[in-house]
């Protein structure tokens, strides 16, 4: 059964910020794949690797997800082994879903995950993030 991870995207103001930051770091990472290193190894890693994604909370709202490709051990400069969530570089925008702040990461059941937004049609622009967030507060999908 697929299980996702929910994580605050600290320091990013927008999906574009996340995309830019990951692209900047790609040349320094093994295989050029984006990753998020976390102190704790997911105990339910098998379910996460069964099609799971990391859902990024940006400024209090889930806006985007990335598929989790694998979990790699990474040793820090302090000698402690951590978990690198190795991610698909494709950022998939989701329906905006407000979330309260939390520390670390949380599991997110597949049935509770925000739906992917449809691909933008030619000539159609995405809603501005501020407007999308306000609509999400009112339950618009």
N, C-alpha and C. Protein backbone atom coordinates (compact mmCIF):
# COMPACT_ATOMS: atom_id res chain seq x y z
N UNK A 1 0.84 -1.18 0.00
CA UNK A 1 0.00 0.00 0.00
C UNK A 1 0.89 1.25 0.00
N UNK A 2 0.63 2.14 -0.90
CA UNK A 2 1.43 3.35 -1.04
C UNK A 2 1.27 4.28 0.15
N UNK A 3 2.40 4.83 0.59
CA UNK A 3 2.43 5.78 1.68
C UNK A 3 3.32 6.94 1.25
N UNK A 4 2.91 8.15 1.56
CA UNK A 4 3.65 9.35 1.17
C UNK A 4 4.28 9.99 2.40
N UNK A 5 5.13 10.96 2.15
CA UNK A 5 5.76 11.74 3.22
C UNK A 5 5.39 13.21 3.02
N UNK A 6 5.05 13.87 4.10
CA UNK A 6 4.70 15.28 4.10
C UNK A 6 5.83 16.03 4.78
N UNK A 7 6.35 17.09 4.14
CA UNK A 7 7.51 17.80 4.67
C UNK A 7 7.37 19.29 4.41
N UNK A 8 7.73 20.10 5.41
CA UNK A 8 7.79 21.54 5.21
C UNK A 8 8.98 21.87 4.31
N UNK A 9 8.77 22.75 3.37
CA UNK A 9 9.83 23.17 2.46
C UNK A 9 10.38 24.50 2.99
N UNK A 10 11.21 24.39 4.00
CA UNK A 10 11.72 25.57 4.71
C UNK A 10 12.62 26.40 3.80
N UNK A 11 12.38 27.69 3.77
CA UNK A 11 13.22 28.61 2.99
C UNK A 11 12.72 28.87 1.59
N UNK A 12 11.73 28.11 1.14
CA UNK A 12 11.18 28.33 -0.21
C UNK A 12 9.93 29.20 -0.11
N UNK A 13 9.84 30.14 -1.00
CA UNK A 13 8.67 31.02 -1.08
C UNK A 13 7.67 30.53 -2.11
N UNK A 14 8.12 29.65 -3.02
CA UNK A 14 7.26 29.20 -4.11
C UNK A 14 7.79 27.88 -4.68
N UNK A 15 6.99 27.27 -5.53
CA UNK A 15 7.42 26.05 -6.22
C UNK A 15 8.63 26.37 -7.09
N UNK A 16 8.62 27.55 -7.68
CA UNK A 16 9.75 27.96 -8.53
C UNK A 16 11.04 28.05 -7.72
N UNK A 17 10.96 28.51 -6.48
CA UNK A 17 12.15 28.54 -5.60
C UNK A 17 12.70 27.14 -5.38
N UNK A 18 11.81 26.19 -5.10
CA UNK A 18 12.21 24.80 -4.89
C UNK A 18 12.88 24.25 -6.15
N UNK A 19 12.26 24.49 -7.29
CA UNK A 19 12.80 24.01 -8.56
C UNK A 19 14.19 24.60 -8.82
N UNK A 20 14.34 25.89 -8.60
CA UNK A 20 15.63 26.56 -8.81
C UNK A 20 16.70 26.01 -7.87
N UNK A 21 16.35 25.86 -6.60
CA UNK A 21 17.29 25.37 -5.60
C UNK A 21 17.76 23.95 -5.95
N UNK A 22 16.82 23.09 -6.35
CA UNK A 22 17.19 21.72 -6.70
C UNK A 22 18.04 21.68 -7.97
N UNK A 23 17.72 22.51 -8.95
CA UNK A 23 18.52 22.55 -10.17
C UNK A 23 19.94 23.02 -9.89
N UNK A 24 20.08 24.01 -9.01
CA UNK A 24 21.41 24.53 -8.64
C UNK A 24 22.27 23.46 -8.01
N UNK A 25 21.68 22.62 -7.18
CA UNK A 25 22.42 21.60 -6.44
C UNK A 25 22.64 20.32 -7.22
N UNK A 26 21.92 20.12 -8.33
CA UNK A 26 21.94 18.85 -9.07
C UNK A 26 23.34 18.42 -9.47
N UNK A 27 24.16 19.35 -9.90
CA UNK A 27 25.50 18.98 -10.38
C UNK A 27 26.40 18.44 -9.26
N UNK A 28 26.08 18.75 -8.01
CA UNK A 28 26.88 18.30 -6.88
C UNK A 28 26.38 17.00 -6.25
N UNK A 29 25.26 16.48 -6.74
CA UNK A 29 24.66 15.30 -6.13
C UNK A 29 24.88 14.06 -6.98
N UNK A 30 25.01 12.89 -6.34
CA UNK A 30 25.19 11.64 -7.09
C UNK A 30 24.05 11.42 -8.08
N UNK A 31 24.39 11.23 -9.33
CA UNK A 31 23.39 11.01 -10.37
C UNK A 31 22.62 12.27 -10.75
N UNK A 32 22.93 13.39 -10.12
CA UNK A 32 22.22 14.63 -10.42
C UNK A 32 20.78 14.66 -9.94
N UNK A 33 20.41 13.68 -9.10
CA UNK A 33 19.02 13.61 -8.63
C UNK A 33 18.85 14.40 -7.34
N UNK A 34 17.74 15.13 -7.24
CA UNK A 34 17.49 15.86 -5.99
C UNK A 34 17.28 14.89 -4.84
N UNK A 35 17.60 15.35 -3.65
CA UNK A 35 17.44 14.51 -2.47
C UNK A 35 17.14 15.40 -1.26
N UNK A 36 16.51 14.79 -0.30
CA UNK A 36 16.29 15.45 0.97
C UNK A 36 16.85 14.52 2.05
N UNK A 37 17.81 15.01 2.81
CA UNK A 37 18.43 14.19 3.85
C UNK A 37 17.71 14.46 5.17
N UNK A 38 17.33 13.38 5.81
CA UNK A 38 16.61 13.46 7.08
C UNK A 38 17.30 12.60 8.12
N UNK A 39 17.16 13.00 9.36
CA UNK A 39 17.83 12.30 10.45
C UNK A 39 17.25 10.91 10.68
N UNK A 40 15.95 10.79 10.51
CA UNK A 40 15.28 9.51 10.79
C UNK A 40 15.02 8.73 9.50
N UNK A 41 15.23 7.42 9.56
CA UNK A 41 14.95 6.52 8.45
C UNK A 41 13.48 6.11 8.55
N UNK A 42 12.71 6.21 7.47
CA UNK A 42 11.29 5.81 7.55
C UNK A 42 11.15 4.34 7.92
N UNK A 43 10.45 4.06 9.01
CA UNK A 43 10.24 2.67 9.44
C UNK A 43 9.33 1.94 8.46
N UNK A 44 8.52 2.70 7.74
CA UNK A 44 7.61 2.12 6.76
C UNK A 44 8.13 2.38 5.34
N UNK A 45 9.44 2.24 5.18
CA UNK A 45 10.11 2.53 3.92
C UNK A 45 9.59 1.74 2.74
N UNK A 46 9.22 0.48 2.96
CA UNK A 46 8.70 -0.34 1.86
C UNK A 46 7.43 0.28 1.26
N UNK A 47 6.55 0.78 2.12
CA UNK A 47 5.32 1.40 1.65
C UNK A 47 5.61 2.73 0.95
N UNK A 48 6.60 3.46 1.45
CA UNK A 48 6.98 4.73 0.82
C UNK A 48 7.55 4.47 -0.57
N UNK A 49 8.33 3.42 -0.72
CA UNK A 49 8.94 3.10 -2.01
C UNK A 49 7.97 2.44 -2.99
N UNK A 50 6.77 2.14 -2.54
CA UNK A 50 5.75 1.54 -3.39
C UNK A 50 4.91 2.63 -4.06
N UNK A 51 5.59 3.57 -4.74
CA UNK A 51 4.90 4.65 -5.45
C UNK A 51 4.69 5.91 -4.64
N UNK A 52 5.36 6.01 -3.49
CA UNK A 52 5.18 7.18 -2.62
C UNK A 52 5.89 8.42 -3.13
N UNK A 53 5.42 9.56 -2.66
CA UNK A 53 5.98 10.86 -3.01
C UNK A 53 6.23 11.66 -1.75
N UNK A 54 7.06 12.69 -1.88
CA UNK A 54 7.19 13.68 -0.82
C UNK A 54 6.31 14.85 -1.23
N UNK A 55 5.41 15.23 -0.34
CA UNK A 55 4.52 16.37 -0.58
C UNK A 55 5.10 17.55 0.17
N UNK A 56 5.45 18.60 -0.58
CA UNK A 56 6.10 19.77 -0.01
C UNK A 56 5.08 20.81 0.44
N UNK A 57 5.20 21.24 1.70
CA UNK A 57 4.38 22.31 2.24
C UNK A 57 5.18 23.60 2.09
N UNK A 58 4.68 24.51 1.27
CA UNK A 58 5.36 25.78 1.00
C UNK A 58 4.49 26.91 1.54
N UNK A 59 5.04 27.64 2.51
CA UNK A 59 4.32 28.76 3.14
C UNK A 59 2.94 28.34 3.64
N UNK A 60 2.88 27.17 4.29
CA UNK A 60 1.65 26.72 4.93
C UNK A 60 0.67 25.99 4.04
N UNK A 61 1.05 25.69 2.80
CA UNK A 61 0.15 25.01 1.88
C UNK A 61 0.89 23.96 1.07
N UNK A 62 0.33 22.75 0.98
CA UNK A 62 0.89 21.74 0.08
C UNK A 62 0.62 22.24 -1.34
N UNK A 63 1.69 22.34 -2.13
CA UNK A 63 1.55 22.85 -3.50
C UNK A 63 2.15 21.92 -4.55
N UNK A 64 3.03 21.00 -4.13
CA UNK A 64 3.77 20.21 -5.11
C UNK A 64 4.24 18.91 -4.47
N UNK A 65 4.49 17.93 -5.33
CA UNK A 65 5.02 16.65 -4.84
C UNK A 65 6.12 16.18 -5.79
N UNK A 66 6.96 15.28 -5.27
CA UNK A 66 7.99 14.61 -6.07
C UNK A 66 7.98 13.14 -5.68
N UNK A 67 8.06 12.27 -6.67
CA UNK A 67 8.09 10.84 -6.40
C UNK A 67 9.40 10.47 -5.70
N UNK A 68 9.33 9.60 -4.72
CA UNK A 68 10.51 9.10 -4.01
C UNK A 68 11.00 7.87 -4.76
N UNK A 69 12.23 7.95 -5.26
CA UNK A 69 12.80 6.86 -6.05
C UNK A 69 13.47 5.80 -5.20
N UNK A 70 14.18 6.25 -4.17
CA UNK A 70 14.87 5.29 -3.30
C UNK A 70 15.29 6.00 -2.02
N UNK A 71 15.73 5.20 -1.05
CA UNK A 71 16.24 5.69 0.23
C UNK A 71 17.71 5.29 0.30
N UNK A 72 18.60 6.26 0.41
CA UNK A 72 20.04 5.99 0.46
C UNK A 72 20.60 6.37 1.83
N UNK A 73 21.49 5.53 2.38
CA UNK A 73 22.18 5.94 3.60
C UNK A 73 23.22 7.01 3.26
N UNK A 74 23.32 8.02 4.11
CA UNK A 74 24.29 9.10 3.93
C UNK A 74 24.95 9.35 5.27
N UNK A 75 26.27 9.34 5.28
CA UNK A 75 26.98 9.62 6.53
C UNK A 75 27.34 11.09 6.59
N UNK A 76 26.94 11.74 7.68
CA UNK A 76 27.23 13.15 7.87
C UNK A 76 28.66 13.37 8.33
N UNK A 77 29.07 14.62 8.35
CA UNK A 77 30.42 14.96 8.81
C UNK A 77 30.64 14.55 10.26
N UNK A 78 29.53 14.41 11.01
CA UNK A 78 29.62 14.01 12.41
C UNK A 78 29.68 12.49 12.58
N UNK A 79 29.69 11.74 11.45
CA UNK A 79 29.78 10.30 11.50
C UNK A 79 28.44 9.60 11.69
N UNK A 80 27.36 10.35 11.77
CA UNK A 80 26.03 9.76 11.97
C UNK A 80 25.41 9.45 10.61
N UNK A 81 24.87 8.24 10.49
CA UNK A 81 24.21 7.83 9.25
C UNK A 81 22.78 8.37 9.25
N UNK A 82 22.43 9.00 8.14
CA UNK A 82 21.10 9.57 7.95
C UNK A 82 20.47 8.96 6.70
N UNK A 83 19.24 9.34 6.42
CA UNK A 83 18.52 8.82 5.26
C UNK A 83 18.35 9.92 4.21
N UNK A 84 18.76 9.63 2.98
CA UNK A 84 18.53 10.55 1.87
C UNK A 84 17.33 10.04 1.08
N UNK A 85 16.29 10.85 1.02
CA UNK A 85 15.15 10.54 0.16
C UNK A 85 15.56 11.01 -1.23
N UNK A 86 15.83 10.08 -2.12
CA UNK A 86 16.25 10.43 -3.48
C UNK A 86 14.98 10.62 -4.31
N UNK A 87 14.87 11.78 -4.96
CA UNK A 87 13.63 12.20 -5.58
C UNK A 87 13.70 12.26 -7.10
N UNK A 88 12.57 12.04 -7.71
CA UNK A 88 12.42 12.26 -9.15
C UNK A 88 12.52 13.78 -9.36
N UNK A 89 13.27 14.24 -10.35
CA UNK A 89 13.38 15.69 -10.55
C UNK A 89 12.09 16.37 -10.99
N UNK A 90 11.11 15.59 -11.48
CA UNK A 90 9.85 16.21 -11.92
C UNK A 90 9.03 16.69 -10.73
N UNK A 91 8.67 17.96 -10.75
CA UNK A 91 7.80 18.54 -9.73
C UNK A 91 6.37 18.50 -10.26
N UNK A 92 5.48 17.86 -9.51
CA UNK A 92 4.08 17.72 -9.92
C UNK A 92 3.25 18.61 -9.00
N UNK A 93 2.66 19.63 -9.58
CA UNK A 93 1.81 20.53 -8.78
C UNK A 93 0.55 19.80 -8.33
N UNK A 94 0.13 20.14 -7.11
CA UNK A 94 -1.05 19.52 -6.52
C UNK A 94 -2.10 20.58 -6.23
N UNK A 95 -3.29 20.10 -5.91
CA UNK A 95 -4.29 21.03 -5.42
C UNK A 95 -3.75 21.65 -4.15
N UNK A 96 -3.90 22.94 -3.96
CA UNK A 96 -3.43 23.55 -2.71
C UNK A 96 -4.18 22.97 -1.52
N UNK A 97 -3.43 22.61 -0.47
CA UNK A 97 -4.02 22.05 0.74
C UNK A 97 -3.32 22.66 1.95
N UNK A 98 -4.02 23.51 2.71
CA UNK A 98 -3.40 24.15 3.87
C UNK A 98 -2.94 23.14 4.91
N UNK A 99 -1.80 23.42 5.55
CA UNK A 99 -1.26 22.57 6.62
C UNK A 99 -0.67 23.46 7.70
N UNK A 100 -0.89 23.06 8.93
CA UNK A 100 -0.28 23.77 10.07
C UNK A 100 1.19 23.38 10.16
N UNK A 101 2.01 24.23 10.76
CA UNK A 101 3.43 23.91 10.92
C UNK A 101 3.64 22.67 11.78
N UNK A 102 4.71 21.94 11.51
CA UNK A 102 5.09 20.78 12.29
C UNK A 102 6.59 20.60 12.12
N UNK A 103 7.19 19.80 12.99
CA UNK A 103 8.62 19.55 12.88
C UNK A 103 8.86 18.21 12.20
N UNK A 104 9.98 18.12 11.51
CA UNK A 104 10.35 16.86 10.87
C UNK A 104 9.48 16.58 9.67
N UNK A 105 9.08 15.33 9.52
CA UNK A 105 8.19 14.94 8.43
C UNK A 105 7.10 14.04 9.00
N UNK A 106 6.05 13.87 8.25
CA UNK A 106 4.92 13.03 8.66
C UNK A 106 4.58 12.08 7.52
N UNK A 107 4.05 10.93 7.88
CA UNK A 107 3.48 10.05 6.86
C UNK A 107 2.16 10.67 6.40
N UNK A 108 1.84 10.41 5.13
CA UNK A 108 0.60 10.90 4.54
C UNK A 108 -0.02 9.73 3.77
N UNK A 109 -1.19 9.27 4.23
CA UNK A 109 -1.87 8.17 3.55
C UNK A 109 -2.30 8.61 2.15
N UNK A 110 -2.28 7.67 1.23
CA UNK A 110 -2.62 7.97 -0.16
C UNK A 110 -4.00 8.62 -0.28
N UNK A 111 -4.96 8.14 0.49
CA UNK A 111 -6.31 8.70 0.39
C UNK A 111 -6.43 10.12 0.93
N UNK A 112 -5.45 10.55 1.73
CA UNK A 112 -5.46 11.91 2.28
C UNK A 112 -4.60 12.90 1.48
N UNK A 113 -3.91 12.41 0.47
CA UNK A 113 -3.00 13.25 -0.30
C UNK A 113 -3.78 14.15 -1.26
N UNK A 114 -3.35 15.40 -1.42
CA UNK A 114 -4.01 16.27 -2.40
C UNK A 114 -3.85 15.71 -3.80
N UNK A 115 -4.86 15.90 -4.61
CA UNK A 115 -4.82 15.42 -5.99
C UNK A 115 -3.85 16.26 -6.83
N UNK A 116 -3.29 15.63 -7.85
CA UNK A 116 -2.46 16.35 -8.81
C UNK A 116 -3.33 17.31 -9.60
N UNK A 117 -2.76 18.47 -9.91
CA UNK A 117 -3.46 19.39 -10.81
C UNK A 117 -3.31 18.88 -12.23
N UNK A 118 -4.32 19.11 -13.05
CA UNK A 118 -4.17 18.71 -14.46
C UNK A 118 -3.09 19.54 -15.13
N UNK A 119 -2.46 18.96 -16.13
CA UNK A 119 -1.45 19.70 -16.88
C UNK A 119 -2.11 20.93 -17.51
N UNK A 120 -1.38 22.02 -17.53
CA UNK A 120 -1.90 23.26 -18.10
C UNK A 120 -2.09 23.09 -19.60
N UNK A 121 -3.21 23.53 -20.09
CA UNK A 121 -3.47 23.48 -21.53
C UNK A 121 -2.69 24.58 -22.22
N UNK A 122 -2.34 24.40 -23.50
CA UNK A 122 -1.61 25.44 -24.22
C UNK A 122 -2.32 26.78 -24.11
N UNK A 123 -1.56 27.80 -23.77
CA UNK A 123 -2.10 29.15 -23.67
C UNK A 123 -2.78 29.45 -22.34
N UNK A 124 -2.89 28.45 -21.48
CA UNK A 124 -3.55 28.65 -20.19
C UNK A 124 -2.49 28.77 -19.10
N UNK A 125 -2.60 29.79 -18.29
CA UNK A 125 -1.63 29.98 -17.21
C UNK A 125 -2.17 29.40 -15.91
N UNK A 126 -1.26 28.98 -15.06
CA UNK A 126 -1.65 28.48 -13.74
C UNK A 126 -2.16 29.64 -12.90
N UNK A 127 -3.02 29.32 -11.93
CA UNK A 127 -3.49 30.36 -11.02
C UNK A 127 -2.32 30.92 -10.23
N UNK A 128 -2.33 32.20 -9.93
CA UNK A 128 -1.28 32.74 -9.05
C UNK A 128 -1.35 32.03 -7.70
N UNK A 129 -0.18 31.72 -7.10
CA UNK A 129 -0.17 30.97 -5.83
C UNK A 129 -1.04 31.58 -4.74
N UNK A 130 -1.07 32.92 -4.62
CA UNK A 130 -1.88 33.56 -3.58
C UNK A 130 -3.37 33.23 -3.78
N UNK A 131 -3.82 33.31 -5.03
CA UNK A 131 -5.21 33.03 -5.33
C UNK A 131 -5.52 31.55 -5.08
N UNK A 132 -4.63 30.66 -5.50
CA UNK A 132 -4.84 29.23 -5.30
C UNK A 132 -4.94 28.91 -3.81
N UNK A 133 -4.09 29.54 -2.98
CA UNK A 133 -4.13 29.30 -1.53
C UNK A 133 -5.44 29.78 -0.94
N UNK A 134 -5.91 30.96 -1.35
CA UNK A 134 -7.17 31.49 -0.82
C UNK A 134 -8.35 30.59 -1.22
N UNK A 135 -8.35 30.12 -2.46
CA UNK A 135 -9.41 29.21 -2.89
C UNK A 135 -9.37 27.91 -2.09
N UNK A 136 -8.18 27.41 -1.78
CA UNK A 136 -8.05 26.19 -0.98
C UNK A 136 -8.64 26.38 0.41
N UNK A 137 -8.48 27.57 0.97
CA UNK A 137 -9.04 27.85 2.30
C UNK A 137 -10.56 27.73 2.31
N UNK A 138 -11.17 28.01 1.15
CA UNK A 138 -12.63 27.93 1.02
C UNK A 138 -13.11 26.56 0.55
N UNK A 139 -12.17 25.64 0.38
CA UNK A 139 -12.52 24.28 -0.01
C UNK A 139 -12.66 24.09 -1.51
N UNK A 140 -12.18 25.04 -2.32
CA UNK A 140 -12.26 24.89 -3.78
C UNK A 140 -11.28 23.84 -4.23
N UNK A 141 -11.69 23.00 -5.13
CA UNK A 141 -10.81 21.96 -5.69
C UNK A 141 -10.80 22.07 -7.16
